N, C-alpha and C. Protein backbone atom coordinates (compact mmCIF):
# COMPACT_ATOMS: atom_id res chain seq x y z
N MET A 1 0.85 -1.21 0.00
CA MET A 1 0.00 0.00 0.00
C MET A 1 0.87 1.24 0.00
N GLY A 2 0.72 2.08 -1.02
CA GLY A 2 1.52 3.30 -1.08
C GLY A 2 0.72 4.49 -0.58
N ILE A 3 1.46 5.58 -0.36
CA ILE A 3 0.79 6.79 0.13
C ILE A 3 0.52 7.73 -1.05
N GLY A 4 0.11 7.15 -2.17
CA GLY A 4 -0.13 7.98 -3.35
C GLY A 4 -1.61 8.30 -3.50
N PRO A 5 -1.95 9.13 -4.49
CA PRO A 5 -3.34 9.52 -4.72
C PRO A 5 -4.21 8.32 -5.06
N GLU A 6 -3.62 7.32 -5.70
CA GLU A 6 -4.41 6.13 -6.06
C GLU A 6 -4.90 5.42 -4.81
N SER A 7 -4.01 5.28 -3.83
CA SER A 7 -4.37 4.60 -2.58
C SER A 7 -5.48 5.40 -1.89
N TYR A 8 -5.30 6.71 -1.81
CA TYR A 8 -6.28 7.58 -1.14
C TYR A 8 -7.63 7.47 -1.84
N PHE A 9 -7.61 7.51 -3.18
CA PHE A 9 -8.84 7.43 -3.95
C PHE A 9 -9.54 6.09 -3.70
N SER A 10 -8.73 5.01 -3.71
CA SER A 10 -9.28 3.66 -3.48
C SER A 10 -9.93 3.59 -2.11
N PHE A 11 -9.23 4.14 -1.11
CA PHE A 11 -9.75 4.12 0.26
C PHE A 11 -11.07 4.89 0.33
N HIS A 12 -11.10 6.06 -0.29
CA HIS A 12 -12.30 6.89 -0.28
C HIS A 12 -13.45 6.16 -0.98
N LEU A 13 -13.13 5.53 -2.11
CA LEU A 13 -14.15 4.82 -2.87
C LEU A 13 -14.72 3.67 -2.05
N ASN A 14 -13.84 2.93 -1.36
CA ASN A 14 -14.28 1.81 -0.53
C ASN A 14 -15.20 2.31 0.57
N THR A 15 -14.84 3.43 1.19
CA THR A 15 -15.66 3.98 2.27
C THR A 15 -17.03 4.36 1.74
N LEU A 16 -17.05 5.02 0.58
CA LEU A 16 -18.33 5.43 0.00
C LEU A 16 -19.20 4.21 -0.30
N LEU A 17 -18.58 3.16 -0.85
CA LEU A 17 -19.32 1.94 -1.18
C LEU A 17 -19.90 1.33 0.08
N LEU A 18 -19.10 1.28 1.14
CA LEU A 18 -19.56 0.69 2.40
C LEU A 18 -20.75 1.47 2.94
N HIS A 19 -20.69 2.81 2.82
CA HIS A 19 -21.79 3.65 3.32
C HIS A 19 -23.02 3.51 2.44
N THR A 20 -22.78 3.23 1.13
CA THR A 20 -23.91 3.11 0.21
C THR A 20 -24.73 1.86 0.52
N ILE A 21 -24.02 0.77 0.83
CA ILE A 21 -24.71 -0.49 1.08
C ILE A 21 -25.45 -0.40 2.42
């Protein structure tokens, strides 16, 4: 896991998906 924008975006997307369900 890197500290790049991709990781941050993935984390944010996962959080949004979890909240959506």
